[in-house]
Amino acid sequence: MSGQLIVVGTGPGNPAQTTPEALSAIERSNVFFGYGPYLDRLQLRPDQRRVASDNREELARAKDALMTAASGEQVCVVSGGDPGVFAMAAAICEAIEDGPPAWRELHLEVVPGVTAMLAVAARAGAPLGHDFCAISLSDNLKPWPLIEQRLRAVAGAGLVIALYNPISRARPWQLGTAFAILREVLPWSTPVIFGRAAGRPDEAITVVTLAEADPNRADMATCVIIGSPDTRIIERPGQAPLVYSPRSAGERL
């Protein structure tokens, strides 16, 4: 059998949120490439081999996986969440575009997964019920002024914003700066959801207003969702509030 490469998303961390399609792809693969903690979520057989690497080595991982697949192996590249959202599918495509012709001849399959913003939104209600976007606050692969420009543009356009990679030890200031930018554009009463480890045992979902949003609530396991001016909070006695964006939106010039 000739080699092939499958890129899977295992979801946000709860095994129940890994799709049957992803489980089937894992079952029929022989060699697994991925960030160590993501590979740890898999229940691999003794005949299945894992190759773990650091989370900042995506392109090198992609090249290693493609070389292994080209040698005839059934390779699986593992991402958390969805592999096409700030994850390994794009790195694989980049490597194929710049790599040898043999990599373009490989059978490539991308298997979707539940990404963090969907898991957090489901826990909070329906904050993505109308138009929305996703922005990574990491400036490793794009300049920070571009991130600022995009934040102002999408907030001004009335989009709900899901922030990935909101904060880290190397980038402790960026989420606070992002909130300051959004306060220049959005009502301070806009709902903000801090969704940490959605679906996992250490899950924490917190709803505050933009005025109250404290960057110290977030870490790299957190997806932050900032509502639009139309996003609403429904208070419920004895239960967590529901956050939702109505299906219709007012005219915005």
Protein backbone atom coordinates (compact mmCIF):
# COMPACT_ATOMS: atom_id res chain seq x y z
CA MET A 1 0.00 0.00 0.00
CA SER A 2 1.35 3.45 -0.87
CA GLY A 3 1.84 6.02 1.86
CA GLN A 4 -0.74 8.58 2.81
CA LEU A 5 -1.06 11.46 5.24
CA ILE A 6 -4.15 12.26 7.31
CA VAL A 7 -4.42 15.44 9.38
CA VAL A 8 -6.93 15.08 12.22
CA GLY A 9 -8.41 17.36 14.83
CA THR A 10 -9.16 15.63 18.13
CA GLY A 11 -11.38 18.42 19.48
CA PRO A 12 -10.85 20.61 22.54
CA GLY A 13 -9.78 17.76 24.84
CA ASN A 14 -12.91 15.89 25.88
CA PRO A 15 -12.70 12.39 24.28
CA ALA A 16 -16.47 12.52 23.64
CA GLN A 17 -15.86 15.50 21.33
CA THR A 18 -13.52 13.58 19.03
CA THR A 19 -15.53 12.72 15.93
CA PRO A 20 -16.04 9.14 14.71
CA GLU A 21 -14.32 10.15 11.46
CA ALA A 22 -11.22 11.22 13.41
CA LEU A 23 -11.25 8.00 15.45
CA SER A 24 -11.43 5.97 12.25
CA ALA A 25 -8.45 7.85 10.80
CA ILE A 26 -6.46 7.24 13.97
CA GLU A 27 -7.33 3.55 13.91
CA ARG A 28 -5.94 3.02 10.41
CA SER A 29 -2.73 5.04 10.82
CA ASN A 30 0.71 3.72 11.79
CA VAL A 31 2.86 6.75 12.62
CA PHE A 32 1.65 9.81 14.53
CA PHE A 33 3.21 13.26 14.52
CA GLY A 34 2.11 16.02 16.87
CA TYR A 35 2.61 18.17 19.93
CA GLY A 36 3.26 15.86 22.89
CA PRO A 37 0.15 16.74 24.98
CA TYR A 38 -2.09 16.19 21.94
CA LEU A 39 -0.54 12.78 21.28
CA ASP A 40 -1.04 11.91 24.96
CA ARG A 41 -4.81 12.09 24.39
CA LEU A 42 -4.70 9.16 21.96
CA GLN A 43 -5.15 5.53 22.93
CA LEU A 44 -2.56 4.02 20.60
CA ARG A 45 -1.86 0.34 19.99
CA PRO A 46 1.62 -1.12 20.57
CA ASP A 47 2.18 -1.24 16.80
CA GLN A 48 1.43 2.46 16.36
CA ARG A 49 4.42 4.80 16.70
CA ARG A 50 4.36 8.40 17.96
CA VAL A 51 6.79 11.21 17.12
CA ALA A 52 6.30 14.12 19.52
CA SER A 53 7.67 17.63 19.01
CA ASP A 54 7.38 21.09 20.50
CA ASN A 55 4.31 23.18 19.70
CA ARG A 56 6.49 25.81 17.98
CA GLU A 57 7.90 23.35 15.43
CA GLU A 58 4.89 23.02 13.13
CA LEU A 59 6.70 23.37 9.79
CA ALA A 60 9.50 20.96 10.77
CA ARG A 61 6.86 18.50 11.99
CA ALA A 62 4.98 18.83 8.71
CA LYS A 63 8.10 18.10 6.67
CA ASP A 64 8.98 15.07 8.82
CA ALA A 65 5.45 13.72 8.43
CA LEU A 66 5.48 14.20 4.66
CA MET A 67 8.86 12.49 4.31
CA THR A 68 7.57 9.56 6.36
CA ALA A 69 4.39 9.30 4.28
CA ALA A 70 6.44 9.45 1.07
CA SER A 71 8.40 6.43 2.32
CA GLY A 72 5.17 4.39 2.28
CA GLU A 73 3.85 4.79 5.83
CA GLN A 74 0.27 5.57 6.86
CA VAL A 75 0.86 8.85 8.70
CA CYS A 76 -1.45 10.81 10.98
CA VAL A 77 -0.68 14.41 11.98
CA VAL A 78 -2.58 15.31 15.14
CA SER A 79 -3.96 18.72 16.10
CA GLY A 80 -6.14 19.70 18.99
CA GLY A 81 -9.44 21.31 18.02
CA ASP A 82 -9.79 21.56 14.25
CA PRO A 83 -6.64 21.01 12.16
CA GLY A 84 -7.56 23.83 9.78
CA VAL A 85 -7.96 26.54 12.45
CA PHE A 86 -4.54 27.92 13.47
CA ALA A 87 -3.21 24.38 13.30
CA MET A 88 -1.37 21.75 11.30
CA ALA A 89 -3.35 21.56 8.04
CA ALA A 90 -1.96 24.91 6.90
CA ALA A 91 1.60 23.89 7.85
CA ILE A 92 1.21 20.69 5.81
CA CYS A 93 -0.01 22.69 2.79
CA GLU A 94 2.90 25.15 3.14
CA ALA A 95 5.38 22.28 3.21
CA ILE A 96 3.79 20.64 0.16
CA GLU A 97 3.85 23.88 -1.82
CA ASP A 98 7.58 24.41 -1.18
CA GLY A 99 8.59 20.74 -1.08
CA PRO A 100 9.59 18.11 -3.64
CA PRO A 101 7.13 16.98 -6.36
CA ALA A 102 6.66 13.60 -4.64
CA TRP A 103 4.82 15.30 -1.77
CA ARG A 104 2.16 16.61 -4.16
CA GLU A 105 1.46 13.06 -5.29
CA LEU A 106 0.63 11.82 -1.77
CA HIS A 107 -2.95 11.12 -0.80
CA LEU A 108 -3.80 13.85 1.71
CA GLU A 109 -6.91 13.87 3.88
CA VAL A 110 -7.92 16.56 6.39
CA VAL A 111 -10.42 15.44 9.03
CA PRO A 112 -12.24 18.28 10.82
CA GLY A 113 -12.70 18.58 14.56
CA VAL A 114 -14.51 20.72 17.13
CA THR A 115 -12.45 23.87 17.49
CA ALA A 116 -12.11 25.82 20.75
CA MET A 117 -14.42 28.69 19.85
CA LEU A 118 -17.24 26.25 19.04
CA ALA A 119 -16.77 24.39 22.33
CA VAL A 120 -16.72 27.63 24.34
CA ALA A 121 -19.70 29.07 22.45
CA ALA A 122 -21.74 25.93 23.12
CA ARG A 123 -21.05 26.22 26.85
CA ALA A 124 -22.09 29.88 26.93
CA GLY A 125 -25.19 29.76 24.72
CA ALA A 126 -25.00 31.05 21.15
CA PRO A 127 -22.55 33.97 20.99
CA LEU A 128 -21.64 32.98 17.40
CA GLY A 129 -25.28 33.07 16.30
CA HIS A 130 -24.56 35.84 13.81
CA ASP A 131 -21.45 36.94 11.86
CA PHE A 132 -18.14 36.31 13.61
CA CYS A 133 -14.41 35.95 13.05
CA ALA A 134 -11.40 34.31 14.70
CA ILE A 135 -8.10 36.11 15.34
CA SER A 136 -4.91 34.73 16.86
CA LEU A 137 -3.15 37.19 19.16
CA SER A 138 0.19 35.45 18.58
CA ASP A 139 2.60 37.68 16.68
CA ASN A 140 5.03 34.85 15.94
CA LEU A 141 3.91 34.69 12.29
CA LYS A 142 2.45 38.15 11.74
CA PRO A 143 3.33 41.63 13.04
CA TRP A 144 1.48 43.06 16.02
CA PRO A 145 0.40 46.25 14.15
CA LEU A 146 -1.52 44.01 11.72
CA ILE A 147 -3.31 42.36 14.66
CA GLU A 148 -4.28 45.80 15.99
CA GLN A 149 -5.54 46.83 12.54
CA ARG A 150 -7.69 43.71 12.26
CA LEU A 151 -9.12 44.10 15.77
CA ARG A 152 -10.27 47.64 15.02
CA ALA A 153 -11.67 46.64 11.64
CA VAL A 154 -13.75 43.67 12.79
CA ALA A 155 -14.98 45.41 15.94
CA GLY A 156 -16.05 48.39 13.83
CA ALA A 157 -17.83 46.04 11.42
CA GLY A 158 -19.92 44.58 14.23
CA LEU A 159 -18.44 41.05 14.19
CA VAL A 160 -18.22 38.79 17.21
CA ILE A 161 -14.52 38.03 17.79
CA ALA A 162 -12.99 34.76 19.00
CA LEU A 163 -9.43 35.28 20.22
CA TYR A 164 -7.04 32.33 20.01
CA ASN A 165 -3.58 32.24 21.66
CA PRO A 166 -4.62 35.16 23.89
CA ILE A 167 -1.69 35.21 26.31
CA SER A 168 1.51 33.40 27.23
CA ARG A 169 4.59 33.91 29.38
CA ALA A 170 6.37 35.32 26.34
CA ARG A 171 3.37 37.57 25.46
CA PRO A 172 1.83 38.70 28.77
CA TRP A 173 0.74 42.15 27.52
CA GLN A 174 -1.10 41.51 24.28
CA LEU A 175 -4.54 40.52 25.57
CA GLY A 176 -4.71 43.63 27.78
CA THR A 177 -3.73 45.75 24.79
CA ALA A 178 -6.40 44.04 22.69
CA PHE A 179 -9.06 44.83 25.30
CA ALA A 180 -7.92 48.47 25.37
CA ILE A 181 -8.27 48.68 21.57
CA LEU A 182 -11.72 47.10 21.64
CA ARG A 183 -12.87 49.52 24.36
CA GLU A 184 -12.13 52.34 21.90
CA VAL A 185 -14.65 50.87 19.44
CA LEU A 186 -17.21 48.75 21.32
CA PRO A 187 -19.65 49.58 24.14
CA TRP A 188 -18.05 48.72 27.47
CA SER A 189 -21.16 46.67 28.25
CA THR A 190 -20.28 44.19 25.46
CA PRO A 191 -20.22 40.60 26.78
CA VAL A 192 -16.85 38.87 27.02
CA ILE A 193 -16.53 35.12 27.56
CA PHE A 194 -13.39 33.55 29.00
CA GLY A 195 -13.60 29.87 28.05
CA ARG A 196 -10.84 27.80 29.58
CA ALA A 197 -10.44 24.07 28.81
CA ALA A 198 -13.99 23.77 27.46
CA GLY A 199 -15.27 20.22 27.85
CA ARG A 200 -12.42 19.07 30.08
CA PRO A 201 -12.58 18.38 33.86
CA ASP A 202 -10.87 21.72 34.63
CA GLU A 203 -13.29 23.71 32.48
CA ALA A 204 -13.98 27.30 33.55
CA ILE A 205 -16.44 29.52 31.67
CA THR A 206 -16.69 33.12 32.89
CA VAL A 207 -18.90 35.86 31.46
CA VAL A 208 -18.09 39.52 32.15
CA THR A 209 -18.49 42.84 30.37
CA LEU A 210 -15.75 44.42 28.29
CA ALA A 211 -15.35 46.99 31.06
CA GLU A 212 -14.60 44.18 33.54
CA ALA A 213 -12.46 42.04 31.23
CA ASP A 214 -9.19 41.23 33.02
CA PRO A 215 -6.45 39.62 30.90
CA ASN A 216 -5.24 37.74 33.98
CA ARG A 217 -8.28 35.47 33.64
CA ALA A 218 -6.77 33.91 30.51
CA ASP A 219 -3.96 31.50 29.70
CA MET A 220 -3.02 29.54 26.57
CA ALA A 221 -5.81 27.04 27.29
CA THR A 222 -8.37 29.87 27.05
CA CYS A 223 -10.41 31.03 24.08
CA VAL A 224 -11.82 34.52 24.59
CA ILE A 225 -15.02 35.49 22.78
CA ILE A 226 -15.93 39.18 22.57
CA GLY A 227 -19.48 39.90 21.53
CA SER A 228 -20.71 42.46 19.04
CA PRO A 229 -22.83 45.47 20.06
CA ASP A 230 -25.86 43.26 19.35
CA THR A 231 -24.77 40.36 21.61
CA ARG A 232 -26.99 39.91 24.65
CA ILE A 233 -26.88 38.29 28.08
CA ILE A 234 -29.93 36.49 29.49
CA GLU A 235 -29.74 36.18 33.27
CA ARG A 236 -31.24 32.96 34.70
CA PRO A 237 -31.94 32.40 38.41
CA GLY A 238 -29.71 29.67 39.82
CA GLN A 239 -28.03 29.02 36.46
CA ALA A 240 -25.24 30.49 34.39
CA PRO A 241 -26.33 33.30 32.09
CA LEU A 242 -26.93 32.66 28.39
CA VAL A 243 -24.92 34.74 25.96
CA TYR A 244 -26.24 34.95 22.42
CA SER A 245 -25.99 37.02 19.26
CA PRO A 246 -29.39 37.48 17.60
CA ARG A 247 -29.80 36.02 14.12
CA SER A 248 -30.57 39.48 12.75
CA ALA A 249 -28.39 42.56 13.14
CA GLY A 250 -29.10 46.26 12.96
CA GLU A 251 -27.84 48.39 10.10
CA ARG A 252 -24.24 49.49 10.69
CA LEU A 253 -22.55 52.23 8.65
